[in-house]
Amino acid sequence: MSLPSRGEIELGRRIQQARMGVNLTQRQLSSELGILQKWISGIENGQHHHYKDFVKRICEALGVERDDEWVESPTRPVDGDDS
């Protein structure tokens, strides 16, 4: 398994914040989207790749406006070394 990119981690963080902002649990959001709760967890932790159409569905379910910044992600993995 490859390390998540900075963009994947940031996207997961934004999704988690938006979900918590509307007082939904991962289980409630996953049920609304028709997916397993572990996928929401993986997305929020940057462990699953994010596809634009899926991010759009999540944003719609959370009632947040998605912009391209939400889905852009650098390809460089986060490895603790910026050199």
Protein backbone atom coordinates (compact mmCIF):
# COMPACT_ATOMS: atom_id res chain seq x y z
CA MET A 1 0.00 0.00 0.00
CA SER A 2 1.40 3.39 -0.94
CA LEU A 3 1.51 6.34 1.41
CA PRO A 4 -1.28 8.89 0.99
CA SER A 5 -0.44 12.15 -0.72
CA ARG A 6 -0.72 15.47 1.07
CA GLY A 7 -3.82 16.20 -1.00
CA GLU A 8 -5.50 12.94 0.02
CA ILE A 9 -4.83 13.67 3.68
CA GLU A 10 -6.12 17.24 3.37
CA LEU A 11 -9.21 16.11 1.47
CA GLY A 12 -9.97 13.51 4.12
CA ARG A 13 -9.57 16.13 6.84
CA ARG A 14 -11.96 18.50 5.05
CA ILE A 15 -14.53 15.76 4.56
CA GLN A 16 -14.30 14.80 8.23
CA GLN A 17 -14.72 18.42 9.33
CA ALA A 18 -17.73 18.88 7.05
CA ARG A 19 -19.29 15.64 8.27
CA MET A 20 -18.82 16.58 11.89
CA GLY A 21 -20.11 20.08 11.15
CA VAL A 22 -23.48 18.66 10.19
CA ASN A 23 -23.47 16.23 13.14
CA LEU A 24 -23.31 13.04 11.08
CA THR A 25 -21.48 9.92 12.14
CA GLN A 26 -19.43 7.96 9.64
CA ARG A 27 -22.11 5.27 9.81
CA GLN A 28 -24.90 7.75 9.02
CA LEU A 29 -22.98 9.21 6.07
CA SER A 30 -22.07 5.79 4.72
CA SER A 31 -25.69 4.70 4.96
CA GLU A 32 -26.83 7.79 3.08
CA LEU A 33 -24.26 7.11 0.35
CA GLY A 34 -24.88 3.36 0.24
CA ILE A 35 -21.31 2.40 1.08
CA LEU A 36 -19.55 0.71 3.99
CA GLN A 37 -18.56 2.81 7.01
CA LYS A 38 -14.96 1.62 6.67
CA TRP A 39 -14.75 3.45 3.32
CA ILE A 40 -15.67 6.75 4.97
CA SER A 41 -13.06 6.07 7.63
CA GLY A 42 -10.46 5.26 4.99
CA ILE A 43 -11.27 8.38 3.00
CA GLU A 44 -11.05 10.57 6.09
CA ASN A 45 -7.69 9.01 6.95
CA GLY A 46 -6.31 9.40 3.42
CA GLN A 47 -6.14 5.63 2.93
CA HIS A 48 -8.53 5.39 -0.02
CA HIS A 49 -8.09 7.18 -3.32
CA HIS A 50 -10.70 9.83 -4.01
CA TYR A 51 -12.48 10.04 -7.30
CA LYS A 52 -14.05 13.31 -8.38
CA ASP A 53 -17.55 11.87 -8.79
CA PHE A 54 -17.41 10.20 -5.38
CA VAL A 55 -16.19 13.37 -3.67
CA LYS A 56 -19.07 15.18 -5.36
CA ARG A 57 -21.54 12.68 -3.84
CA ILE A 58 -20.00 13.12 -0.39
CA CYS A 59 -20.15 16.93 -0.65
CA GLU A 60 -23.77 16.79 -1.80
CA ALA A 61 -24.68 14.51 1.12
CA LEU A 62 -22.96 16.91 3.54
CA GLY A 63 -24.49 20.00 1.95
CA VAL A 64 -21.13 21.60 1.21
CA GLU A 65 -20.00 23.18 -2.01
CA ARG A 66 -17.10 21.39 -3.63
CA ASP A 67 -14.51 23.25 -5.61
CA ASP A 68 -11.61 21.86 -7.61
CA GLU A 69 -9.31 22.47 -4.65
CA TRP A 70 -11.11 19.65 -2.83
CA VAL A 71 -10.07 17.08 -5.41
CA GLU A 72 -6.65 18.26 -6.50
CA SER A 73 -3.96 16.22 -4.82
CA PRO A 74 -0.21 16.22 -5.26
CA THR A 75 1.24 12.86 -6.18
CA ARG A 76 4.16 13.09 -3.74
CA PRO A 77 3.48 10.87 -0.71
CA VAL A 78 3.71 12.18 2.80
CA ASP A 79 6.79 10.58 4.24
CA GLY A 80 8.00 13.10 6.76
CA ASP A 81 10.86 14.23 4.55
CA ASP A 82 10.51 17.45 2.62
CA SER A 83 13.91 17.28 0.95
